[in-house]
N, C-alpha and C. Protein backbone atom coordinates (compact mmCIF):
# COMPACT_ATOMS: atom_id res chain seq x y z
N MET A 1 -159.70 49.23 -68.07
CA MET A 1 -158.63 49.22 -69.04
C MET A 1 -158.70 47.93 -69.89
N ARG A 2 -158.94 46.79 -69.22
CA ARG A 2 -159.04 45.53 -69.96
C ARG A 2 -160.24 45.55 -70.91
N LEU A 3 -161.33 46.14 -70.45
CA LEU A 3 -162.52 46.22 -71.28
C LEU A 3 -162.22 47.01 -72.55
N MET A 4 -161.49 48.12 -72.42
CA MET A 4 -161.12 48.93 -73.58
C MET A 4 -160.24 48.12 -74.53
N ALA A 5 -159.32 47.35 -74.00
CA ALA A 5 -158.43 46.53 -74.82
C ALA A 5 -159.23 45.46 -75.55
N LEU A 6 -160.20 44.85 -74.87
CA LEU A 6 -161.02 43.82 -75.49
C LEU A 6 -161.90 44.40 -76.61
N VAL A 7 -162.34 45.63 -76.45
CA VAL A 7 -163.14 46.28 -77.49
C VAL A 7 -162.25 46.75 -78.63
N ALA A 8 -161.09 47.27 -78.32
CA ALA A 8 -160.20 47.82 -79.34
C ALA A 8 -159.56 46.74 -80.21
N LEU A 9 -159.27 45.59 -79.66
CA LEU A 9 -158.58 44.54 -80.42
C LEU A 9 -159.38 44.09 -81.65
N PRO A 10 -160.65 43.75 -81.52
CA PRO A 10 -161.40 43.35 -82.73
C PRO A 10 -161.47 44.46 -83.78
N LEU A 11 -161.59 45.71 -83.32
CA LEU A 11 -161.62 46.83 -84.26
C LEU A 11 -160.30 46.96 -85.01
N MET A 12 -159.20 46.79 -84.31
CA MET A 12 -157.88 46.87 -84.94
C MET A 12 -157.71 45.72 -85.93
N LEU A 13 -158.13 44.52 -85.57
CA LEU A 13 -158.01 43.38 -86.47
C LEU A 13 -158.87 43.55 -87.72
N ALA A 14 -160.07 44.08 -87.55
CA ALA A 14 -160.94 44.33 -88.71
C ALA A 14 -160.33 45.38 -89.62
N SER A 15 -159.73 46.40 -89.03
CA SER A 15 -159.07 47.44 -89.81
C SER A 15 -157.89 46.88 -90.59
N MET A 16 -157.09 46.02 -89.97
CA MET A 16 -155.94 45.41 -90.64
C MET A 16 -156.41 44.49 -91.76
N ALA A 17 -157.50 43.77 -91.56
CA ALA A 17 -158.02 42.87 -92.59
C ALA A 17 -158.50 43.66 -93.79
N ALA A 18 -159.15 44.79 -93.55
CA ALA A 18 -159.61 45.63 -94.66
C ALA A 18 -158.43 46.20 -95.43
N ALA A 19 -157.38 46.59 -94.74
CA ALA A 19 -156.20 47.13 -95.41
C ALA A 19 -155.51 46.07 -96.24
N ALA A 20 -155.57 44.81 -95.79
CA ALA A 20 -154.93 43.72 -96.53
C ALA A 20 -155.67 43.42 -97.83
N GLN A 21 -156.92 43.84 -97.93
CA GLN A 21 -157.71 43.60 -99.13
C GLN A 21 -157.52 44.76 -100.10
N SER A 22 -156.36 44.82 -100.66
CA SER A 22 -156.02 45.88 -101.61
C SER A 22 -156.32 45.41 -103.03
N PRO A 23 -156.79 46.30 -103.89
CA PRO A 23 -157.03 45.93 -105.28
C PRO A 23 -155.74 45.84 -106.11
N VAL A 24 -154.63 46.23 -105.54
CA VAL A 24 -153.37 46.18 -106.27
C VAL A 24 -152.98 44.73 -106.52
N GLY A 25 -152.68 44.40 -107.76
CA GLY A 25 -152.28 43.04 -108.12
C GLY A 25 -152.82 42.64 -109.47
N ARG A 26 -152.73 41.36 -109.75
CA ARG A 26 -153.16 40.80 -111.04
C ARG A 26 -154.52 40.13 -110.89
N TRP A 27 -155.42 40.42 -111.83
CA TRP A 27 -156.80 39.98 -111.75
C TRP A 27 -157.23 39.30 -113.04
N LYS A 28 -157.95 38.19 -112.91
CA LYS A 28 -158.57 37.52 -114.05
C LYS A 28 -159.91 38.21 -114.30
N THR A 29 -160.08 38.76 -115.50
CA THR A 29 -161.36 39.38 -115.83
C THR A 29 -162.31 38.28 -116.29
N ILE A 30 -163.50 38.29 -115.74
CA ILE A 30 -164.49 37.27 -116.04
C ILE A 30 -165.63 37.94 -116.81
N ASP A 31 -165.90 37.46 -118.01
CA ASP A 31 -166.99 38.02 -118.81
C ASP A 31 -168.31 37.77 -118.09
N ASP A 32 -169.06 38.84 -117.82
CA ASP A 32 -170.30 38.70 -117.06
C ASP A 32 -171.41 38.03 -117.85
N GLU A 33 -171.25 37.89 -119.17
CA GLU A 33 -172.27 37.21 -119.97
C GLU A 33 -171.95 35.73 -120.17
N THR A 34 -170.67 35.40 -120.40
CA THR A 34 -170.29 34.01 -120.70
C THR A 34 -169.68 33.28 -119.51
N GLY A 35 -169.17 34.02 -118.52
CA GLY A 35 -168.51 33.42 -117.38
C GLY A 35 -167.08 32.98 -117.67
N ARG A 36 -166.57 33.29 -118.86
CA ARG A 36 -165.22 32.88 -119.27
C ARG A 36 -164.18 33.91 -118.86
N VAL A 37 -162.99 33.41 -118.53
CA VAL A 37 -161.86 34.30 -118.23
C VAL A 37 -161.38 34.88 -119.55
N LYS A 38 -161.31 36.21 -119.64
CA LYS A 38 -160.94 36.85 -120.90
C LYS A 38 -159.52 37.40 -120.90
N SER A 39 -159.07 37.90 -119.76
CA SER A 39 -157.74 38.52 -119.73
C SER A 39 -157.22 38.61 -118.31
N ILE A 40 -155.97 39.02 -118.22
CA ILE A 40 -155.36 39.34 -116.93
C ILE A 40 -155.11 40.85 -116.92
N VAL A 41 -155.65 41.53 -115.93
CA VAL A 41 -155.44 42.97 -115.77
C VAL A 41 -154.62 43.19 -114.51
N GLU A 42 -153.59 44.00 -114.64
CA GLU A 42 -152.74 44.33 -113.51
C GLU A 42 -153.11 45.72 -113.00
N ILE A 43 -153.60 45.77 -111.76
CA ILE A 43 -153.99 47.03 -111.14
C ILE A 43 -152.83 47.54 -110.29
N SER A 44 -152.50 48.81 -110.48
CA SER A 44 -151.44 49.44 -109.69
C SER A 44 -151.98 50.72 -109.06
N GLN A 45 -151.27 51.18 -108.03
CA GLN A 45 -151.68 52.38 -107.32
C GLN A 45 -150.59 53.42 -107.45
N ALA A 46 -150.97 54.62 -107.87
CA ALA A 46 -150.02 55.73 -108.02
C ALA A 46 -149.74 56.36 -106.66
N ALA A 47 -148.74 57.20 -106.61
CA ALA A 47 -148.36 57.87 -105.36
C ALA A 47 -149.51 58.70 -104.80
N ASN A 48 -150.38 59.23 -105.67
CA ASN A 48 -151.51 60.04 -105.19
C ASN A 48 -152.71 59.20 -104.74
N GLY A 49 -152.57 57.87 -104.77
CA GLY A 49 -153.62 56.97 -104.29
C GLY A 49 -154.58 56.49 -105.35
N THR A 50 -154.51 57.03 -106.57
CA THR A 50 -155.42 56.58 -107.62
C THR A 50 -154.99 55.22 -108.17
N LEU A 51 -155.96 54.49 -108.69
CA LEU A 51 -155.70 53.17 -109.26
C LEU A 51 -155.78 53.24 -110.78
N SER A 52 -154.98 52.40 -111.42
CA SER A 52 -155.09 52.20 -112.86
C SER A 52 -154.88 50.73 -113.14
N GLY A 53 -155.38 50.29 -114.28
CA GLY A 53 -155.24 48.89 -114.65
C GLY A 53 -154.87 48.76 -116.11
N ARG A 54 -153.90 47.89 -116.39
CA ARG A 54 -153.50 47.64 -117.78
C ARG A 54 -153.63 46.15 -118.06
N VAL A 55 -153.92 45.84 -119.31
CA VAL A 55 -154.06 44.45 -119.73
C VAL A 55 -152.67 43.83 -119.80
N ALA A 56 -152.41 42.86 -118.94
CA ALA A 56 -151.13 42.17 -118.94
C ALA A 56 -151.13 41.03 -119.95
N GLN A 57 -152.31 40.43 -120.18
CA GLN A 57 -152.39 39.28 -121.08
C GLN A 57 -153.83 39.10 -121.54
N VAL A 58 -154.02 38.88 -122.84
CA VAL A 58 -155.33 38.52 -123.38
C VAL A 58 -155.37 37.00 -123.45
N LEU A 59 -156.35 36.40 -122.79
CA LEU A 59 -156.45 34.94 -122.73
C LEU A 59 -157.46 34.38 -123.73
N GLN A 60 -158.51 35.15 -124.01
CA GLN A 60 -159.55 34.69 -124.92
C GLN A 60 -160.08 35.88 -125.69
N SER A 61 -160.03 35.78 -127.02
CA SER A 61 -160.52 36.86 -127.86
C SER A 61 -161.12 36.29 -129.14
N ASP A 62 -162.22 36.89 -129.59
CA ASP A 62 -162.83 36.50 -130.85
C ASP A 62 -162.02 37.02 -132.04
N ARG A 63 -161.03 37.87 -131.75
CA ARG A 63 -160.24 38.50 -132.82
C ARG A 63 -158.81 37.99 -132.86
N GLY A 64 -158.59 36.76 -132.47
CA GLY A 64 -157.26 36.17 -132.56
C GLY A 64 -156.43 36.37 -131.32
N PRO A 65 -155.18 35.86 -131.36
CA PRO A 65 -154.32 35.86 -130.17
C PRO A 65 -153.73 37.23 -129.81
N ASN A 66 -153.65 38.15 -130.76
CA ASN A 66 -153.07 39.47 -130.50
C ASN A 66 -154.01 40.57 -130.98
N PRO A 67 -155.18 40.71 -130.35
CA PRO A 67 -156.16 41.68 -130.84
C PRO A 67 -155.70 43.13 -130.65
N VAL A 68 -156.20 43.97 -131.55
CA VAL A 68 -155.96 45.41 -131.44
C VAL A 68 -157.30 46.09 -131.15
N CYS A 69 -157.22 47.30 -130.66
CA CYS A 69 -158.44 48.05 -130.33
C CYS A 69 -158.88 48.81 -131.58
N ASP A 70 -159.45 48.07 -132.54
CA ASP A 70 -159.84 48.65 -133.81
C ASP A 70 -161.06 49.57 -133.71
N LYS A 71 -161.82 49.48 -132.62
CA LYS A 71 -162.98 50.35 -132.45
C LYS A 71 -162.69 51.52 -131.52
N CYS A 72 -161.46 51.60 -131.02
CA CYS A 72 -161.06 52.72 -130.16
C CYS A 72 -160.85 53.96 -131.01
N SER A 73 -160.83 55.10 -130.36
CA SER A 73 -160.53 56.35 -131.04
C SER A 73 -159.24 56.93 -130.46
N GLY A 74 -158.73 57.94 -131.09
CA GLY A 74 -157.54 58.63 -130.59
C GLY A 74 -156.30 57.76 -130.64
N THR A 75 -155.44 57.93 -129.64
CA THR A 75 -154.15 57.24 -129.63
C THR A 75 -154.27 55.73 -129.42
N ARG A 76 -155.40 55.27 -128.92
CA ARG A 76 -155.59 53.83 -128.70
C ARG A 76 -156.03 53.09 -129.96
N ARG A 77 -156.47 53.82 -130.97
CA ARG A 77 -156.98 53.18 -132.19
C ARG A 77 -155.91 52.29 -132.82
N ASP A 78 -156.31 51.04 -133.09
CA ASP A 78 -155.46 50.03 -133.73
C ASP A 78 -154.22 49.67 -132.93
N GLN A 79 -154.21 49.98 -131.64
CA GLN A 79 -153.10 49.59 -130.77
C GLN A 79 -153.38 48.23 -130.15
N PRO A 80 -152.32 47.46 -129.85
CA PRO A 80 -152.53 46.15 -129.20
C PRO A 80 -153.23 46.32 -127.85
N ILE A 81 -154.17 45.42 -127.59
CA ILE A 81 -154.87 45.47 -126.31
C ILE A 81 -153.94 45.03 -125.18
N THR A 82 -153.07 44.07 -125.45
CA THR A 82 -152.08 43.67 -124.45
C THR A 82 -151.17 44.87 -124.18
N GLY A 83 -151.06 45.25 -122.92
CA GLY A 83 -150.25 46.40 -122.53
C GLY A 83 -151.05 47.69 -122.42
N MET A 84 -152.29 47.69 -122.89
CA MET A 84 -153.11 48.90 -122.90
C MET A 84 -153.71 49.17 -121.52
N THR A 85 -153.67 50.44 -121.11
CA THR A 85 -154.35 50.85 -119.88
C THR A 85 -155.82 50.97 -120.19
N ILE A 86 -156.64 50.19 -119.47
CA ILE A 86 -158.08 50.19 -119.71
C ILE A 86 -158.87 50.73 -118.51
N LEU A 87 -158.18 51.03 -117.42
CA LEU A 87 -158.82 51.51 -116.21
C LEU A 87 -157.91 52.59 -115.64
N TRP A 88 -158.46 53.79 -115.35
CA TRP A 88 -157.61 54.84 -114.84
C TRP A 88 -158.38 55.83 -113.97
N ASP A 89 -157.63 56.50 -113.10
CA ASP A 89 -158.12 57.58 -112.24
C ASP A 89 -159.16 57.17 -111.21
N LEU A 90 -159.16 55.91 -110.77
CA LEU A 90 -160.05 55.52 -109.68
C LEU A 90 -159.50 56.10 -108.38
N LYS A 91 -160.33 56.83 -107.66
CA LYS A 91 -159.90 57.50 -106.43
C LYS A 91 -160.54 56.82 -105.22
N PRO A 92 -159.78 56.76 -104.11
CA PRO A 92 -160.36 56.18 -102.90
C PRO A 92 -161.61 56.95 -102.48
N ASP A 93 -162.65 56.22 -102.12
CA ASP A 93 -163.93 56.81 -101.73
C ASP A 93 -164.57 55.93 -100.67
N GLY A 94 -164.09 56.07 -99.45
CA GLY A 94 -164.58 55.20 -98.37
C GLY A 94 -164.08 53.80 -98.57
N SER A 95 -165.01 52.85 -98.67
CA SER A 95 -164.62 51.44 -98.83
C SER A 95 -164.51 51.03 -100.29
N GLU A 96 -164.61 51.99 -101.21
CA GLU A 96 -164.49 51.67 -102.62
C GLU A 96 -163.64 52.71 -103.33
N TRP A 97 -163.50 52.55 -104.63
CA TRP A 97 -162.79 53.50 -105.48
C TRP A 97 -163.77 53.95 -106.54
N SER A 98 -163.81 55.25 -106.82
CA SER A 98 -164.79 55.74 -107.79
C SER A 98 -164.19 56.91 -108.57
N GLY A 99 -165.00 57.46 -109.48
CA GLY A 99 -164.58 58.62 -110.24
C GLY A 99 -163.61 58.32 -111.35
N GLY A 100 -163.42 57.05 -111.67
CA GLY A 100 -162.48 56.68 -112.71
C GLY A 100 -163.16 56.45 -114.05
N THR A 101 -162.38 55.93 -114.96
CA THR A 101 -162.84 55.62 -116.31
C THR A 101 -162.38 54.23 -116.67
N ILE A 102 -163.24 53.48 -117.37
CA ILE A 102 -162.87 52.16 -117.86
C ILE A 102 -163.17 52.11 -119.35
N LEU A 103 -162.29 51.45 -120.09
CA LEU A 103 -162.44 51.26 -121.52
C LEU A 103 -162.84 49.82 -121.80
N ASP A 104 -163.84 49.64 -122.65
CA ASP A 104 -164.18 48.30 -123.13
C ASP A 104 -163.55 48.16 -124.51
N PRO A 105 -162.44 47.43 -124.62
CA PRO A 105 -161.76 47.31 -125.91
C PRO A 105 -162.62 46.63 -126.99
N ALA A 106 -163.63 45.88 -126.59
CA ALA A 106 -164.48 45.20 -127.57
C ALA A 106 -165.30 46.19 -128.40
N ASN A 107 -165.69 47.32 -127.77
CA ASN A 107 -166.49 48.29 -128.52
C ASN A 107 -165.83 49.67 -128.60
N GLY A 108 -164.68 49.84 -127.94
CA GLY A 108 -163.94 51.10 -128.00
C GLY A 108 -164.54 52.21 -127.16
N LYS A 109 -165.55 51.92 -126.35
CA LYS A 109 -166.22 52.96 -125.57
C LYS A 109 -165.65 53.03 -124.17
N THR A 110 -165.72 54.23 -123.59
CA THR A 110 -165.30 54.44 -122.21
C THR A 110 -166.53 54.72 -121.35
N TYR A 111 -166.42 54.35 -120.08
CA TYR A 111 -167.51 54.49 -119.14
C TYR A 111 -166.97 55.01 -117.81
N LYS A 112 -167.83 55.68 -117.05
CA LYS A 112 -167.47 56.03 -115.68
C LYS A 112 -167.28 54.72 -114.94
N SER A 113 -166.32 54.70 -114.02
CA SER A 113 -166.01 53.42 -113.37
C SER A 113 -165.90 53.56 -111.86
N LYS A 114 -166.16 52.44 -111.21
CA LYS A 114 -165.95 52.30 -109.77
C LYS A 114 -165.57 50.87 -109.49
N ALA A 115 -164.97 50.65 -108.33
CA ALA A 115 -164.54 49.30 -107.96
C ALA A 115 -164.66 49.15 -106.45
N LYS A 116 -164.93 47.92 -106.05
CA LYS A 116 -165.05 47.62 -104.61
C LYS A 116 -164.57 46.21 -104.36
N MET A 117 -163.72 46.06 -103.34
CA MET A 117 -163.29 44.73 -102.94
C MET A 117 -164.48 43.98 -102.34
N LEU A 118 -164.75 42.80 -102.86
CA LEU A 118 -165.83 41.97 -102.34
C LEU A 118 -165.31 41.05 -101.24
N ASP A 119 -164.09 40.60 -101.40
CA ASP A 119 -163.34 39.87 -100.38
C ASP A 119 -161.87 39.92 -100.83
N ALA A 120 -161.01 39.19 -100.18
CA ALA A 120 -159.57 39.29 -100.47
C ALA A 120 -159.23 38.86 -101.90
N ASN A 121 -160.07 38.04 -102.53
CA ASN A 121 -159.75 37.49 -103.85
C ASN A 121 -160.75 37.85 -104.95
N ARG A 122 -161.68 38.77 -104.66
CA ARG A 122 -162.65 39.18 -105.68
C ARG A 122 -162.88 40.68 -105.60
N ILE A 123 -162.97 41.29 -106.79
CA ILE A 123 -163.24 42.72 -106.86
C ILE A 123 -164.37 42.94 -107.86
N GLY A 124 -165.31 43.80 -107.50
CA GLY A 124 -166.39 44.17 -108.41
C GLY A 124 -166.00 45.43 -109.13
N VAL A 125 -165.93 45.38 -110.46
CA VAL A 125 -165.55 46.52 -111.27
C VAL A 125 -166.75 46.89 -112.14
N SER A 126 -167.18 48.15 -112.06
CA SER A 126 -168.37 48.60 -112.78
C SER A 126 -168.04 49.67 -113.79
N GLY A 127 -168.74 49.60 -114.90
CA GLY A 127 -168.76 50.67 -115.89
C GLY A 127 -170.16 51.22 -115.93
N CYS A 128 -170.31 52.55 -115.93
CA CYS A 128 -171.63 53.16 -115.80
C CYS A 128 -171.88 54.22 -116.86
N ILE A 129 -173.12 54.25 -117.35
CA ILE A 129 -173.62 55.36 -118.15
C ILE A 129 -174.79 55.92 -117.36
N ALA A 130 -174.68 57.19 -116.98
CA ALA A 130 -175.67 57.82 -116.11
C ALA A 130 -175.82 56.97 -114.85
N PHE A 131 -177.00 56.46 -114.57
CA PHE A 131 -177.22 55.66 -113.36
C PHE A 131 -177.28 54.16 -113.66
N ILE A 132 -177.06 53.77 -114.91
CA ILE A 132 -177.09 52.36 -115.29
C ILE A 132 -175.67 51.82 -115.29
N CYS A 133 -175.42 50.82 -114.45
CA CYS A 133 -174.08 50.24 -114.31
C CYS A 133 -174.10 48.76 -114.66
N ARG A 134 -172.97 48.31 -115.14
CA ARG A 134 -172.77 46.89 -115.43
C ARG A 134 -171.51 46.47 -114.68
N GLU A 135 -171.63 45.45 -113.85
CA GLU A 135 -170.51 45.03 -113.01
C GLU A 135 -169.96 43.68 -113.46
N GLN A 136 -168.64 43.59 -113.44
CA GLN A 136 -167.97 42.31 -113.60
C GLN A 136 -167.27 42.02 -112.28
N VAL A 137 -167.22 40.74 -111.90
CA VAL A 137 -166.47 40.33 -110.73
C VAL A 137 -165.19 39.69 -111.23
N TRP A 138 -164.07 40.30 -110.89
CA TRP A 138 -162.76 39.79 -111.27
C TRP A 138 -162.19 38.98 -110.11
N GLN A 139 -161.38 37.98 -110.44
CA GLN A 139 -160.78 37.13 -109.41
C GLN A 139 -159.27 37.35 -109.39
N ARG A 140 -158.74 37.37 -108.18
CA ARG A 140 -157.28 37.54 -108.04
C ARG A 140 -156.57 36.36 -108.68
N GLU A 141 -155.53 36.65 -109.41
CA GLU A 141 -154.76 35.60 -110.08
C GLU A 141 -153.89 34.87 -109.08
């Protein structure tokens, strides 16, 4: 019985640690080319378990302090990037979230998206075309 308890305890602690590493919260987006913090994105989880992310604050932009998504199409065209949902429909998939969509407001394009917690304070967020993916590592605010 003690042996079972000794084996079960580390497994329970590892499970609790993984659960504590939730992507829900505020994240500093780090440009993967310049290394600069560009914005704060707030990730939330819907009742059905999917994740979405909206831009809470633009910190650095080549288009001034209140940029709009001038290259977007549809209802997002010429809308302020601050407050815009740029990540949606990420579904739990084992240790990561996948099947979602991410918008790059700089070029107005959307990409298939996935995300994975790297540790408690870093998340890898990818945008993919076919099998080619580009990942940014965001840091918890």
